[in-house]
């Protein structure tokens, strides 16, 4: 009998843009979507995104989408790729 391991994981997908003011005009640059683990609030998302970007980069979050997916993997394959956290 084939055994599998499965986990349900929630991610927060952020669409954001950076902006810069040049000569009184605002230049907006849409960026590639970013995924964060867990269901992040707007404030949590801003904090995480700020850590990911270079210091001083101004940004705005355009859209937040939450996804819940269940992942499954053969148990033997999982054991081959996983790192032992604690040996007993």
C-alpha atoms as a PDB file:
ATOM      1  CA  UNK A   1       0.000   0.000   0.000  1.00  0.00           C
ATOM      2  CA  UNK A   2       1.351   3.384  -1.014  1.00  0.00           C
ATOM      3  CA  UNK A   3       1.487   5.883   1.843  1.00  0.00           C
ATOM      4  CA  UNK A   4       1.363   9.631   1.371  1.00  0.00           C
ATOM      5  CA  UNK A   5       1.766  12.703   3.518  1.00  0.00           C
ATOM      6  CA  UNK A   6      -0.387  15.770   2.917  1.00  0.00           C
ATOM      7  CA  UNK A   7      -0.510  19.297   4.281  1.00  0.00           C
ATOM      8  CA  UNK A   8      -2.912  22.170   3.718  1.00  0.00           C
ATOM      9  CA  UNK A   9      -1.081  25.482   3.386  1.00  0.00           C
ATOM     10  CA  UNK A  10      -2.485  29.003   3.150  1.00  0.00           C
ATOM     11  CA  UNK A  11      -0.557  31.621   1.204  1.00  0.00           C
ATOM     12  CA  UNK A  12      -1.039  35.349   0.778  1.00  0.00           C
ATOM     13  CA  UNK A  13      -0.329  36.596  -2.754  1.00  0.00           C
ATOM     14  CA  UNK A  14       0.515  40.292  -3.023  1.00  0.00           C
ATOM     15  CA  UNK A  15       0.380  42.467  -6.103  1.00  0.00           C
ATOM     16  CA  UNK A  16       2.298  45.657  -5.494  1.00  0.00           C
ATOM     17  CA  UNK A  17       3.872  48.629  -7.229  1.00  0.00           C
ATOM     18  CA  UNK A  18       6.822  50.805  -6.336  1.00  0.00           C
ATOM     19  CA  UNK A  19       6.675  54.531  -6.849  1.00  0.00           C
ATOM     20  CA  UNK A  20       9.084  57.409  -7.086  1.00  0.00           C
ATOM     21  CA  UNK A  21       8.513  61.158  -7.320  1.00  0.00           C
ATOM     22  CA  UNK A  22      10.655  62.794 -10.020  1.00  0.00           C
ATOM     23  CA  UNK A  23      10.286  66.497 -10.783  1.00  0.00           C
ATOM     24  CA  UNK A  24       6.869  66.621  -9.134  1.00  0.00           C
ATOM     25  CA  UNK A  25       5.587  63.652 -11.167  1.00  0.00           C
ATOM     26  CA  UNK A  26       4.884  60.226  -9.688  1.00  0.00           C
ATOM     27  CA  UNK A  27       6.411  57.282 -11.549  1.00  0.00           C
ATOM     28  CA  UNK A  28       4.610  54.006 -10.753  1.00  0.00           C
ATOM     29  CA  UNK A  29       6.233  50.678 -11.557  1.00  0.00           C
ATOM     30  CA  UNK A  30       4.138  47.479 -11.195  1.00  0.00           C
ATOM     31  CA  UNK A  31       6.184  44.573  -9.789  1.00  0.00           C
ATOM     32  CA  UNK A  32       5.998  40.792  -9.927  1.00  0.00           C
ATOM     33  CA  UNK A  33       3.562  39.131  -7.512  1.00  0.00           C
ATOM     34  CA  UNK A  34       4.992  37.949  -4.175  1.00  0.00           C
ATOM     35  CA  UNK A  35       3.719  35.002  -2.107  1.00  0.00           C
ATOM     36  CA  UNK A  36       3.922  34.869   1.690  1.00  0.00           C
ATOM     37  CA  UNK A  37       3.170  31.869   3.885  1.00  0.00           C
ATOM     38  CA  UNK A  38       0.068  32.048   6.053  1.00  0.00           C
ATOM     39  CA  UNK A  39      -2.903  34.393   5.947  1.00  0.00           C
ATOM     40  CA  UNK A  40      -1.299  37.816   6.362  1.00  0.00           C
ATOM     41  CA  UNK A  41      -3.260  40.982   7.192  1.00  0.00           C
ATOM     42  CA  UNK A  42      -2.579  44.153   5.220  1.00  0.00           C
ATOM     43  CA  UNK A  43      -0.306  45.453   7.996  1.00  0.00           C
ATOM     44  CA  UNK A  44       1.585  42.144   8.276  1.00  0.00           C
ATOM     45  CA  UNK A  45       1.961  42.068   4.478  1.00  0.00           C
ATOM     46  CA  UNK A  46       3.378  45.605   4.411  1.00  0.00           C
ATOM     47  CA  UNK A  47       5.868  44.719   7.136  1.00  0.00           C
ATOM     48  CA  UNK A  48       7.035  41.543   5.338  1.00  0.00           C
ATOM     49  CA  UNK A  49       7.286  43.293   1.966  1.00  0.00           C
ATOM     50  CA  UNK A  50       9.281  46.147   3.502  1.00  0.00           C
ATOM     51  CA  UNK A  51      11.836  43.588   4.773  1.00  0.00           C
ATOM     52  CA  UNK A  52      12.109  42.065   1.286  1.00  0.00           C
ATOM     53  CA  UNK A  53      12.712  45.330  -0.585  1.00  0.00           C
ATOM     54  CA  UNK A  54      15.761  47.577  -0.526  1.00  0.00           C
ATOM     55  CA  UNK A  55      15.720  50.249   2.155  1.00  0.00           C
ATOM     56  CA  UNK A  56      14.034  53.460   1.089  1.00  0.00           C
ATOM     57  CA  UNK A  57      11.888  51.857  -1.627  1.00  0.00           C
ATOM     58  CA  UNK A  58       8.351  53.246  -1.496  1.00  0.00           C
ATOM     59  CA  UNK A  59       5.590  50.818  -2.426  1.00  0.00           C
ATOM     60  CA  UNK A  60       1.864  50.308  -2.322  1.00  0.00           C
ATOM     61  CA  UNK A  61      -0.014  47.019  -2.184  1.00  0.00           C
ATOM     62  CA  UNK A  62      -2.515  46.887  -5.030  1.00  0.00           C
ATOM     63  CA  UNK A  63      -4.213  43.552  -4.292  1.00  0.00           C
ATOM     64  CA  UNK A  64      -4.146  40.754  -1.712  1.00  0.00           C
ATOM     65  CA  UNK A  65      -5.374  37.268  -2.511  1.00  0.00           C
ATOM     66  CA  UNK A  66      -5.530  34.310  -0.137  1.00  0.00           C
ATOM     67  CA  UNK A  67      -5.057  30.764  -1.423  1.00  0.00           C
ATOM     68  CA  UNK A  68      -5.513  27.479   0.403  1.00  0.00           C
ATOM     69  CA  UNK A  69      -3.944  24.437  -1.250  1.00  0.00           C
ATOM     70  CA  UNK A  70      -3.476  20.880  -0.089  1.00  0.00           C
ATOM     71  CA  UNK A  71      -0.157  19.333  -1.086  1.00  0.00           C
ATOM     72  CA  UNK A  72       0.508  15.610  -1.161  1.00  0.00           C
ATOM     73  CA  UNK A  73       3.718  13.608  -1.520  1.00  0.00           C
ATOM     74  CA  UNK A  74       4.711   9.971  -1.359  1.00  0.00           C
ATOM     75  CA  UNK A  75       5.995   9.248   2.147  1.00  0.00           C
ATOM     76  CA  UNK A  76       9.210   7.579   0.897  1.00  0.00           C
ATOM     77  CA  UNK A  77       9.958  10.559  -1.343  1.00  0.00           C
ATOM     78  CA  UNK A  78       9.315  12.921   1.599  1.00  0.00           C
ATOM     79  CA  UNK A  79      11.762  10.990   3.791  1.00  0.00           C
ATOM     80  CA  UNK A  80      14.411  11.117   1.028  1.00  0.00           C
ATOM     81  CA  UNK A  81      14.168  14.909   0.688  1.00  0.00           C
ATOM     82  CA  UNK A  82      13.358  15.981   4.238  1.00  0.00           C
ATOM     83  CA  UNK A  83      15.904  17.045   6.840  1.00  0.00           C
ATOM     84  CA  UNK A  84      15.855  15.325  10.205  1.00  0.00           C
ATOM     85  CA  UNK A  85      14.792  17.900  12.765  1.00  0.00           C
ATOM     86  CA  UNK A  86      15.261  15.780  15.846  1.00  0.00           C
ATOM     87  CA  UNK A  87      16.491  12.223  16.199  1.00  0.00           C
ATOM     88  CA  UNK A  88      14.910  10.108  18.904  1.00  0.00           C
END
